PDB file of N, CA and C in Angstrom:
ATOM      1  N   MET A   1     122.392 123.787  93.340  1.00  0.00           N
ATOM      2  CA  MET A   1     121.914 122.492  93.802  1.00  0.00           C
ATOM      3  C   MET A   1     123.027 121.477  93.558  1.00  0.00           C
ATOM      4  N   SER A   2     123.228 120.602  94.525  1.00  0.00           N
ATOM      5  CA  SER A   2     124.302 119.615  94.450  1.00  0.00           C
ATOM      6  C   SER A   2     123.965 118.509  93.444  1.00  0.00           C
ATOM      7  N   PRO A   3     124.989 117.795  92.971  1.00  0.00           N
ATOM      8  CA  PRO A   3     124.730 116.668  92.071  1.00  0.00           C
ATOM      9  C   PRO A   3     123.822 115.608  92.695  1.00  0.00           C
ATOM     10  N   LEU A   4     123.947 115.402  93.999  1.00  0.00           N
ATOM     11  CA  LEU A   4     123.088 114.425  94.671  1.00  0.00           C
ATOM     12  C   LEU A   4     121.627 114.860  94.621  1.00  0.00           C
ATOM     13  N   ARG A   5     121.371 116.132  94.854  1.00  0.00           N
ATOM     14  CA  ARG A   5     119.996 116.629  94.804  1.00  0.00           C
ATOM     15  C   ARG A   5     119.443 116.545  93.380  1.00  0.00           C
ATOM     16  N   TRP A   6     120.275 116.816  92.371  1.00  0.00           N
ATOM     17  CA  TRP A   6     119.833 116.662  90.982  1.00  0.00           C
ATOM     18  C   TRP A   6     119.468 115.201  90.700  1.00  0.00           C
ATOM     19  N   THR A   7     120.248 114.289  91.275  1.00  0.00           N
ATOM     20  CA  THR A   7     119.955 112.861  91.100  1.00  0.00           C
ATOM     21  C   THR A   7     118.613 112.510  91.729  1.00  0.00           C
ATOM     22  N   TYR A   8     118.365 113.006  92.957  1.00  0.00           N
ATOM     23  CA  TYR A   8     117.078 112.759  93.606  1.00  0.00           C
ATOM     24  C   TYR A   8     115.928 113.334  92.782  1.00  0.00           C
ATOM     25  N   LEU A   9     116.115 114.528  92.245  1.00  0.00           N
ATOM     26  CA  LEU A   9     115.079 115.153  91.422  1.00  0.00           C
ATOM     27  C   LEU A   9     114.804 114.313  90.178  1.00  0.00           C
ATOM     28  N   ALA A  10     115.862 113.888  89.506  1.00  0.00           N
ATOM     29  CA  ALA A  10     115.694 113.063  88.303  1.00  0.00           C
ATOM     30  C   ALA A  10     114.986 111.749  88.636  1.00  0.00           C
ATOM     31  N   LEU A  11     115.355 111.126  89.756  1.00  0.00           N
ATOM     32  CA  LEU A  11     114.710 109.871  90.151  1.00  0.00           C
ATOM     33  C   LEU A  11     113.244 110.077  90.522  1.00  0.00           C
ATOM     34  N   ALA A  12     112.926 111.194  91.175  1.00  0.00           N
ATOM     35  CA  ALA A  12     111.530 111.481  91.523  1.00  0.00           C
ATOM     36  C   ALA A  12     110.691 111.682  90.260  1.00  0.00           C
ATOM     37  N   ILE A  13     111.243 112.399  89.292  1.00  0.00           N
ATOM     38  CA  ILE A  13     110.511 112.608  88.033  1.00  0.00           C
ATOM     39  C   ILE A  13     110.349 111.296  87.289  1.00  0.00           C
ATOM     40  N   TRP A  14     111.429 110.540  87.188  1.00  0.00           N
ATOM     41  CA  TRP A  14     111.364 109.247  86.520  1.00  0.00           C
ATOM     42  C   TRP A  14     110.384 108.325  87.246  1.00  0.00           C
ATOM     43  N   GLY A  15     110.415 108.350  88.581  1.00  0.00           N
ATOM     44  CA  GLY A  15     109.524 107.518  89.381  1.00  0.00           C
ATOM     45  C   GLY A  15     108.067 107.925  89.278  1.00  0.00           C
ATOM     46  N   ALA A  16     107.816 109.143  88.826  1.00  0.00           N
ATOM     47  CA  ALA A  16     106.433 109.587  88.599  1.00  0.00           C
ATOM     48  C   ALA A  16     105.984 109.274  87.178  1.00  0.00           C
ATOM     49  N   VAL A  17     106.830 109.561  86.209  1.00  0.00           N
ATOM     50  CA  VAL A  17     106.443 109.455  84.796  1.00  0.00           C
ATOM     51  C   VAL A  17     106.414 108.015  84.302  1.00  0.00           C
ATOM     52  N   HIS A  18     107.451 107.267  84.572  1.00  0.00           N
ATOM     53  CA  HIS A  18     107.558 105.919  84.005  1.00  0.00           C
ATOM     54  C   HIS A  18     106.432 104.984  84.477  1.00  0.00           C
ATOM     55  N   PRO A  19     106.181 104.862  85.785  1.00  0.00           N
ATOM     56  CA  PRO A  19     105.062 104.004  86.195  1.00  0.00           C
ATOM     57  C   PRO A  19     103.708 104.530  85.713  1.00  0.00           C
ATOM     58  N   MET A  20     103.534 105.854  85.704  1.00  0.00           N
ATOM     59  CA  MET A  20     102.261 106.420  85.251  1.00  0.00           C
ATOM     60  C   MET A  20     101.984 106.070  83.798  1.00  0.00           C
ATOM     61  N   TYR A  21     103.027 106.020  82.969  1.00  0.00           N
ATOM     62  CA  TYR A  21     102.851 105.623  81.570  1.00  0.00           C
ATOM     63  C   TYR A  21     102.198 104.243  81.497  1.00  0.00           C
ATOM     64  N   TRP A  22     102.701 103.316  82.295  1.00  0.00           N
ATOM     65  CA  TRP A  22     102.173 101.957  82.261  1.00  0.00           C
ATOM     66  C   TRP A  22     100.779 101.871  82.869  1.00  0.00           C
ATOM     67  N   PHE A  23     100.530 102.636  83.942  1.00  0.00           N
ATOM     68  CA  PHE A  23      99.187 102.654  84.520  1.00  0.00           C
ATOM     69  C   PHE A  23      98.174 103.211  83.532  1.00  0.00           C
ATOM     70  N   VAL A  24      98.500 104.314  82.884  1.00  0.00           N
ATOM     71  CA  VAL A  24      97.584 104.933  81.915  1.00  0.00           C
ATOM     72  C   VAL A  24      97.373 104.007  80.726  1.00  0.00           C
ATOM     73  N   THR A  25      98.434 103.363  80.251  1.00  0.00           N
ATOM     74  CA  THR A  25      98.298 102.404  79.147  1.00  0.00           C
ATOM     75  C   THR A  25      97.333 101.289  79.528  1.00  0.00           C
ATOM     76  N   TYR A  26      97.484 100.757  80.724  1.00  0.00           N
ATOM     77  CA  TYR A  26      96.597  99.694  81.185  1.00  0.00           C
ATOM     78  C   TYR A  26      95.165 100.200  81.329  1.00  0.00           C
ATOM     79  N   LEU A  27      94.986 101.352  81.937  1.00  0.00           N
ATOM     80  CA  LEU A  27      93.643 101.883  82.154  1.00  0.00           C
ATOM     81  C   LEU A  27      92.947 102.190  80.830  1.00  0.00           C
ATOM     82  N   ARG A  28      93.698 102.667  79.844  1.00  0.00           N
ATOM     83  CA  ARG A  28      93.094 102.890  78.518  1.00  0.00           C
ATOM     84  C   ARG A  28      92.578 101.588  77.927  1.00  0.00           C
ATOM     85  N   SER A  29      93.338 100.508  78.104  1.00  0.00           N
ATOM     86  CA  SER A  29      92.942  99.227  77.510  1.00  0.00           C
ATOM     87  C   SER A  29      91.753  98.597  78.239  1.00  0.00           C
ATOM     88  N   THR A  30      91.502  99.003  79.486  1.00  0.00           N
ATOM     89  CA  THR A  30      90.385  98.433  80.247  1.00  0.00           C
ATOM     90  C   THR A  30      89.226  99.415  80.386  1.00  0.00           C
ATOM     91  N   GLY A  31      89.245 100.487  79.625  1.00  0.00           N
ATOM     92  CA  GLY A  31      88.156 101.456  79.695  1.00  0.00           C
ATOM     93  C   GLY A  31      88.184 102.285  80.965  1.00  0.00           C
ATOM     94  N   TRP A  32      89.378 102.585  81.451  1.00  0.00           N
ATOM     95  CA  TRP A  32      89.575 103.419  82.637  1.00  0.00           C
ATOM     96  C   TRP A  32      88.914 102.813  83.873  1.00  0.00           C
ATOM     97  N   SER A  33      88.973 101.498  83.972  1.00  0.00           N
ATOM     98  CA  SER A  33      88.390 100.797  85.109  1.00  0.00           C
ATOM     99  C   SER A  33      89.425 100.665  86.229  1.00  0.00           C
ATOM    100  N   LEU A  34      89.235 101.418  87.285  1.00  0.00           N
ATOM    101  CA  LEU A  34      90.129 101.332  88.434  1.00  0.00           C
ATOM    102  C   LEU A  34      89.999  99.964  89.103  1.00  0.00           C
ATOM    103  N   GLN A  35      88.797  99.403  89.110  1.00  0.00           N
ATOM    104  CA  GLN A  35      88.596  98.082  89.707  1.00  0.00           C
ATOM    105  C   GLN A  35      89.387  97.021  88.950  1.00  0.00           C
ATOM    106  N   ALA A  36      89.458  97.127  87.626  1.00  0.00           N
ATOM    107  CA  ALA A  36      90.247  96.163  86.845  1.00  0.00           C
ATOM    108  C   ALA A  36      91.731  96.279  87.178  1.00  0.00           C
ATOM    109  N   LEU A  37      92.205  97.497  87.419  1.00  0.00           N
ATOM    110  CA  LEU A  37      93.601  97.697  87.800  1.00  0.00           C
ATOM    111  C   LEU A  37      93.883  97.037  89.153  1.00  0.00           C
ATOM    112  N   ILE A  38      93.006  97.246  90.108  1.00  0.00           N
ATOM    113  CA  ILE A  38      93.189  96.644  91.432  1.00  0.00           C
ATOM    114  C   ILE A  38      93.098  95.122  91.349  1.00  0.00           C
ATOM    115  N   ASP A  39      92.177  94.614  90.550  1.00  0.00           N
ATOM    116  CA  ASP A  39      92.073  93.160  90.369  1.00  0.00           C
ATOM    117  C   ASP A  39      93.355  92.587  89.768  1.00  0.00           C
ATOM    118  N   ALA A  40      93.992  93.335  88.860  1.00  0.00           N
ATOM    119  CA  ALA A  40      95.225  92.865  88.234  1.00  0.00           C
ATOM    120  C   ALA A  40      96.367  92.758  89.236  1.00  0.00           C
ATOM    121  N   TRP A  41      96.306  93.521  90.312  1.00  0.00           N
ATOM    122  CA  TRP A  41      97.352  93.456  91.331  1.00  0.00           C
ATOM    123  C   TRP A  41      97.342  92.110  92.053  1.00  0.00           C
ATOM    124  N   TYR A  42      96.235  91.402  91.975  1.00  0.00           N
ATOM    125  CA  TYR A  42      96.090  90.138  92.699  1.00  0.00           C
ATOM    126  C   TYR A  42      95.799  88.965  91.759  1.00  0.00           C
ATOM    127  N   VAL A  43      96.228  89.064  90.512  1.00  0.00           N
ATOM    128  CA  VAL A  43      95.909  88.041  89.520  1.00  0.00           C
ATOM    129  C   VAL A  43      96.674  86.731  89.759  1.00  0.00           C
ATOM    130  N   ASN A  44      97.850  86.792  90.345  1.00  0.00           N
ATOM    131  CA  ASN A  44      98.600  85.573  90.671  1.00  0.00           C
ATOM    132  C   ASN A  44      99.501  85.848  91.874  1.00  0.00           C
ATOM    133  N   ALA A  45     100.202  84.810  92.315  1.00  0.00           N
ATOM    134  CA  ALA A  45     101.031  84.941  93.519  1.00  0.00           C
ATOM    135  C   ALA A  45     102.156  85.964  93.331  1.00  0.00           C
ATOM    136  N   SER A  46     102.691  86.064  92.137  1.00  0.00           N
ATOM    137  CA  SER A  46     103.783  87.000  91.871  1.00  0.00           C
ATOM    138  C   SER A  46     103.331  88.453  92.012  1.00  0.00           C
ATOM    139  N   THR A  47     102.221  88.803  91.386  1.00  0.00           N
ATOM    140  CA  THR A  47     101.736  90.190  91.472  1.00  0.00           C
ATOM    141  C   THR A  47     101.216  90.502  92.871  1.00  0.00           C
ATOM    142  N   THR A  48     100.639  89.515  93.542  1.00  0.00           N
ATOM    143  CA  THR A  48     100.187  89.729  94.915  1.00  0.00           C
ATOM    144  C   THR A  48     101.384  90.003  95.822  1.00  0.00           C
ATOM    145  N   GLY A  49     102.448  89.243  95.659  1.00  0.00           N
ATOM    146  CA  GLY A  49     103.661  89.461  96.443  1.00  0.00           C
ATOM    147  C   GLY A  49     104.265  90.828  96.185  1.00  0.00           C
ATOM    148  N   LEU A  50     104.310  91.234  94.930  1.00  0.00           N
ATOM    149  CA  LEU A  50     104.836  92.546  94.583  1.00  0.00           C
ATOM    150  C   LEU A  50     103.956  93.660  95.153  1.00  0.00           C
ATOM    151  N   THR A  51     102.647  93.469  95.099  1.00  0.00           N
ATOM    152  CA  THR A  51     101.726  94.463  95.662  1.00  0.00           C
ATOM    153  C   THR A  51     101.978  94.640  97.155  1.00  0.00           C
ATOM    154  N   TRP A  52     102.098  93.523  97.875  1.00  0.00           N
ATOM    155  CA  TRP A  52     102.351  93.613  99.316  1.00  0.00           C
ATOM    156  C   TRP A  52     103.733  94.178  99.611  1.00  0.00           C
ATOM    157  N   ASP A  53     104.727  93.836  98.804  1.00  0.00           N
ATOM    158  CA  ASP A  53     106.068  94.370  98.977  1.00  0.00           C
ATOM    159  C   ASP A  53     106.058  95.895  98.870  1.00  0.00           C
ATOM    160  N   LEU A  54     105.386  96.413  97.860  1.00  0.00           N
ATOM    161  CA  LEU A  54     105.321  97.866  97.666  1.00  0.00           C
ATOM    162  C   LEU A  54     104.461  98.547  98.722  1.00  0.00           C
ATOM    163  N   THR A  55     103.415  97.875  99.172  1.00  0.00           N
ATOM    164  CA  THR A  55     102.576  98.441 100.226  1.00  0.00           C
ATOM    165  C   THR A  55     103.360  98.569 101.531  1.00  0.00           C
ATOM    166  N   ILE A  56     104.098  97.523 101.880  1.00  0.00           N
ATOM    167  CA  ILE A  56     104.906  97.568 103.100  1.00  0.00           C
ATOM    168  C   ILE A  56     105.997  98.623 102.977  1.00  0.00           C
ATOM    169  N   ALA A  57     106.613  98.731 101.807  1.00  0.00           N
ATOM    170  CA  ALA A  57     107.635  99.760 101.590  1.00  0.00           C
ATOM    171  C   ALA A  57     107.032 101.158 101.716  1.00  0.00           C
ATOM    172  N   ALA A  58     105.835 101.363 101.177  1.00  0.00           N
ATOM    173  CA  ALA A  58     105.174 102.670 101.260  1.00  0.00           C
ATOM    174  C   ALA A  58     104.845 103.035 102.704  1.00  0.00           C
ATOM    175  N   VAL A  59     104.369 102.070 103.474  1.00  0.00           N
ATOM    176  CA  VAL A  59     104.066 102.327 104.886  1.00  0.00           C
ATOM    177  C   VAL A  59     105.352 102.635 105.647  1.00  0.00           C
ATOM    178  N   THR A  60     106.418 101.910 105.362  1.00  0.00           N
ATOM    179  CA  THR A  60     107.704 102.142 106.022  1.00  0.00           C
ATOM    180  C   THR A  60     108.245 103.530 105.707  1.00  0.00           C
ATOM    181  N   VAL A  61     108.196 103.913 104.439  1.00  0.00           N
ATOM    182  CA  VAL A  61     108.649 105.254 104.041  1.00  0.00           C
ATOM    183  C   VAL A  61     107.799 106.321 104.732  1.00  0.00           C
ATOM    184  N   THR A  62     106.511 106.088 104.848  1.00  0.00           N
ATOM    185  CA  THR A  62     105.623 107.049 105.505  1.00  0.00           C
ATOM    186  C   THR A  62     105.974 107.213 106.981  1.00  0.00           C
ATOM    187  N   VAL A  63     106.210 106.104 107.674  1.00  0.00           N
ATOM    188  CA  VAL A  63     106.601 106.181 109.088  1.00  0.00           C
ATOM    189  C   VAL A  63     107.909 106.956 109.225  1.00  0.00           C
ATOM    190  N   TRP A  64     108.858 106.687 108.346  1.00  0.00           N
ATOM    191  CA  TRP A  64     110.150 107.384 108.384  1.00  0.00           C
ATOM    192  C   TRP A  64     109.972 108.881 108.120  1.00  0.00           C
ATOM    193  N   ILE A  65     109.170 109.221 107.117  1.00  0.00           N
ATOM    194  CA  ILE A  65     108.914 110.637 106.816  1.00  0.00           C
ATOM    195  C   ILE A  65     108.288 111.330 108.015  1.00  0.00           C
ATOM    196  N   LEU A  66     107.287 110.708 108.621  1.00  0.00           N
ATOM    197  CA  LEU A  66     106.625 111.313 109.777  1.00  0.00           C
ATOM    198  C   LEU A  66     107.586 111.490 110.945  1.00  0.00           C
ATOM    199  N   ALA A  67     108.399 110.474 111.221  1.00  0.00           N
ATOM    200  CA  ALA A  67     109.343 110.553 112.334  1.00  0.00           C
ATOM    201  C   ALA A  67     110.379 111.645 112.103  1.00  0.00           C
ATOM    202  N   GLU A  68     110.937 111.695 110.904  1.00  0.00           N
ATOM    203  CA  GLU A  68     111.953 112.712 110.629  1.00  0.00           C
ATOM    204  C   GLU A  68     111.354 114.112 110.533  1.00  0.00           C
ATOM    205  N   THR A  69     110.164 114.217 110.003  1.00  0.00           N
ATOM    206  CA  THR A  69     109.520 115.526 109.901  1.00  0.00           C
ATOM    207  C   THR A  69     109.245 116.079 111.290  1.00  0.00           C
ATOM    208  N   TRP A  70     108.841 115.218 112.196  1.00  0.00           N
ATOM    209  CA  TRP A  70     108.575 115.652 113.566  1.00  0.00           C
ATOM    210  C   TRP A  70     109.835 116.211 114.217  1.00  0.00           C
ATOM    211  N   VAL A  71     110.966 115.550 114.001  1.00  0.00           N
ATOM    212  CA  VAL A  71     112.235 115.982 114.599  1.00  0.00           C
ATOM    213  C   VAL A  71     112.790 117.216 113.893  1.00  0.00           C
ATOM    214  N   ARG A  72     112.792 117.211 112.571  1.00  0.00           N
ATOM    215  CA  ARG A  72     113.405 118.283 111.792  1.00  0.00           C
ATOM    216  C   ARG A  72     112.496 119.495 111.600  1.00  0.00           C
ATOM    217  N   ARG A  73     111.212 119.318 111.819  1.00  0.00           N
ATOM    218  CA  ARG A  73     110.215 120.385 111.608  1.00  0.00           C
ATOM    219  C   ARG A  73     110.217 120.873 110.157  1.00  0.00           C
ATOM    220  N   ASN A  74     110.467 119.934 109.242  1.00  0.00           N
ATOM    221  CA  ASN A  74     110.471 120.231 107.813  1.00  0.00           C
ATOM    222  C   ASN A  74     109.106 119.831 107.244  1.00  0.00           C
ATOM    223  N   TRP A  75     108.104 120.635 107.557  1.00  0.00           N
ATOM    224  CA  TRP A  75     106.717 120.263 107.258  1.00  0.00           C
ATOM    225  C   TRP A  75     106.443 120.120 105.767  1.00  0.00           C
ATOM    226  N   SER A  76     107.153 120.848 104.936  1.00  0.00           N
ATOM    227  CA  SER A  76     106.910 120.750 103.490  1.00  0.00           C
ATOM    228  C   SER A  76     107.286 119.373 102.944  1.00  0.00           C
ATOM    229  N   ALA A  77     108.120 118.644 103.665  1.00  0.00           N
ATOM    230  CA  ALA A  77     108.497 117.302 103.221  1.00  0.00           C
ATOM    231  C   ALA A  77     107.340 116.315 103.312  1.00  0.00           C
ATOM    232  N   LEU A  78     106.285 116.685 104.018  1.00  0.00           N
ATOM    233  CA  LEU A  78     105.112 115.805 104.117  1.00  0.00           C
ATOM    234  C   LEU A  78     104.428 115.588 102.771  1.00  0.00           C
ATOM    235  N   VAL A  79     104.719 116.424 101.800  1.00  0.00           N
ATOM    236  CA  VAL A  79     104.143 116.253 100.461  1.00  0.00           C
ATOM    237  C   VAL A  79     104.585 114.920  99.837  1.00  0.00           C
ATOM    238  N   ALA A  80     105.662 114.345 100.346  1.00  0.00           N
ATOM    239  CA  ALA A  80     106.127 113.058  99.829  1.00  0.00           C
ATOM    240  C   ALA A  80     105.188 111.910 100.193  1.00  0.00           C
ATOM    241  N   ILE A  81     104.378 112.077 101.229  1.00  0.00           N
ATOM    242  CA  ILE A  81     103.454 111.000 101.622  1.00  0.00           C
ATOM    243  C   ILE A  81     102.355 110.794 100.580  1.00  0.00           C
ATOM    244  N   PRO A  82     101.612 111.837 100.176  1.00  0.00           N
ATOM    245  CA  PRO A  82     100.631 111.588  99.115  1.00  0.00           C
ATOM    246  C   PRO A  82     101.287 111.169  97.800  1.00  0.00           C
ATOM    247  N   ALA A  83     102.494 111.661  97.529  1.00  0.00           N
ATOM    248  CA  ALA A  83     103.198 111.224  96.314  1.00  0.00           C
ATOM    249  C   ALA A  83     103.480 109.730  96.376  1.00  0.00           C
ATOM    250  N   THR A  84     103.810 109.229  97.560  1.00  0.00           N
ATOM    251  CA  THR A  84     104.099 107.808  97.727  1.00  0.00           C
ATOM    252  C   THR A  84     102.862 106.956  97.479  1.00  0.00           C
ATOM    253  N   PHE A  85     101.709 107.367  98.019  1.00  0.00           N
ATOM    254  CA  PHE A  85     100.507 106.540  97.889  1.00  0.00           C
ATOM    255  C   PHE A  85      99.728 106.795  96.602  1.00  0.00           C
ATOM    256  N   CYS A  86      99.836 107.978  96.026  1.00  0.00           N
ATOM    257  CA  CYS A  86      99.100 108.273  94.789  1.00  0.00           C
ATOM    258  C   CYS A  86      99.903 107.921  93.539  1.00  0.00           C
ATOM    259  N   ILE A  87     101.224 108.003  93.619  1.00  0.00           N
ATOM    260  CA  ILE A  87     102.069 107.696  92.469  1.00  0.00           C
ATOM    261  C   ILE A  87     102.837 106.415  92.717  1.00  0.00           C
ATOM    262  N   GLY A  88     103.582 106.372  93.819  1.00  0.00           N
ATOM    263  CA  GLY A  88     104.327 105.167  94.142  1.00  0.00           C
ATOM    264  C   GLY A  88     105.571 105.482  94.944  1.00  0.00           C
ATOM    265  N   VAL A  89     106.154 104.432  95.499  1.00  0.00           N
ATOM    266  CA  VAL A  89     107.383 104.562  96.269  1.00  0.00           C
ATOM    267  C   VAL A  89     108.500 105.092  95.372  1.00  0.00           C
ATOM    268  N   SER A  90     108.463 104.733  94.096  1.00  0.00           N
ATOM    269  CA  SER A  90     109.505 105.170  93.161  1.00  0.00           C
ATOM    270  C   SER A  90     109.522 106.680  92.974  1.00  0.00           C
ATOM    271  N   CYS A  91     108.470 107.362  93.313  1.00  0.00           N
ATOM    272  CA  CYS A  91     108.424 108.826  93.284  1.00  0.00           C
ATOM    273  C   CYS A  91     108.545 109.401  94.690  1.00  0.00           C
ATOM    274  N   GLY A  92     107.821 108.847  95.635  1.00  0.00           N
ATOM    275  CA  GLY A  92     107.774 109.402  96.988  1.00  0.00           C
ATOM    276  C   GLY A  92     109.095 109.378  97.719  1.00  0.00           C
ATOM    277  N   LEU A  93     109.846 108.282  97.610  1.00  0.00           N
ATOM    278  CA  LEU A  93     111.119 108.188  98.319  1.00  0.00           C
ATOM    279  C   LEU A  93     112.149 109.186  97.788  1.00  0.00           C
ATOM    280  N   PRO A  94     112.425 109.235  96.475  1.00  0.00           N
ATOM    281  CA  PRO A  94     113.393 110.244  96.022  1.00  0.00           C
ATOM    282  C   PRO A  94     112.907 111.673  96.233  1.00  0.00           C
ATOM    283  N   LEU A  95     111.593 111.896  96.175  1.00  0.00           N
ATOM    284  CA  LEU A  95     111.072 113.237  96.453  1.00  0.00           C
ATOM    285  C   LEU A  95     111.357 113.625  97.892  1.00  0.00           C
ATOM    286  N   TYR A  96     111.128 112.706  98.821  1.00  0.00           N
ATOM    287  CA  TYR A  96     111.424 113.010 100.221  1.00  0.00           C
ATOM    288  C   TYR A  96     112.920 113.270 100.417  1.00  0.00           C
ATOM    289  N   LEU A  97     113.768 112.457  99.809  1.00  0.00           N
ATOM    290  CA  LEU A  97     115.211 112.654  99.948  1.00  0.00           C
ATOM    291  C   LEU A  97     115.634 114.001  99.369  1.00  0.00           C
ATOM    292  N   LEU A  98     115.014 114.409  98.278  1.00  0.00           N
ATOM    293  CA  LEU A  98     115.286 115.731  97.702  1.00  0.00           C
ATOM    294  C   LEU A  98     114.897 116.828  98.687  1.00  0.00           C
ATOM    295  N   LEU A  99     113.709 116.729  99.266  1.00  0.00           N
ATOM    296  CA  LEU A  99     113.237 117.741 100.206  1.00  0.00           C
ATOM    297  C   LEU A  99     114.026 117.708 101.513  1.00  0.00           C
ATOM    298  N   ARG A 100     114.485 116.547 101.892  1.00  0.00           N
ATOM    299  CA  ARG A 100     115.245 116.392 103.139  1.00  0.00           C
ATOM    300  C   ARG A 100     116.633 117.002 103.050  1.00  0.00           C
ATOM    301  N   THR A 101     117.228 117.007 101.858  1.00  0.00           N
ATOM    302  CA  THR A 101     118.608 117.467 101.713  1.00  0.00           C
ATOM    303  C   THR A 101     118.739 118.945 101.342  1.00  0.00           C
ATOM    304  N   ARG A 102     117.636 119.660 101.312  1.00  0.00           N
ATOM    305  CA  ARG A 102     117.763 121.075 100.970  1.00  0.00           C
ATOM    306  C   ARG A 102     118.302 121.875 102.154  1.00  0.00           C
ATOM    307  N   GLN A 103     118.837 123.047 101.834  1.00  0.00           N
ATOM    308  CA  GLN A 103     119.422 123.905 102.861  1.00  0.00           C
ATOM    309  C   GLN A 103     118.343 124.419 103.818  1.00  0.00           C
ATOM    310  N   ALA A 104     118.667 124.481 105.091  1.00  0.00           N
ATOM    311  CA  ALA A 104     117.707 124.963 106.099  1.00  0.00           C
ATOM    312  C   ALA A 104     117.648 126.471 106.088  1.00  0.00           C
TER     313      ALA A 104
END
């Protein structure tokens, strides 16, 4: 595996673990209330802006994944879409780049 692919792998793992640590910490403090987590995303203009920024980025990455998957026929790369929406762009994007750069 090339150094670039190792970098993508490391970023995908970091993008999964690091944000999840903070989500789990928050959910523990609120009694595992998913509604409280969603409410926190809109607590002020700054968090609302960040929420929309990440949502637009996730949709953009999804459109790109779908377009490239259709052309390349690399169907296994579609796993990056649920990773993007269930974990975050910080995991989904490097995961897709890792899957995109593998040997055919």
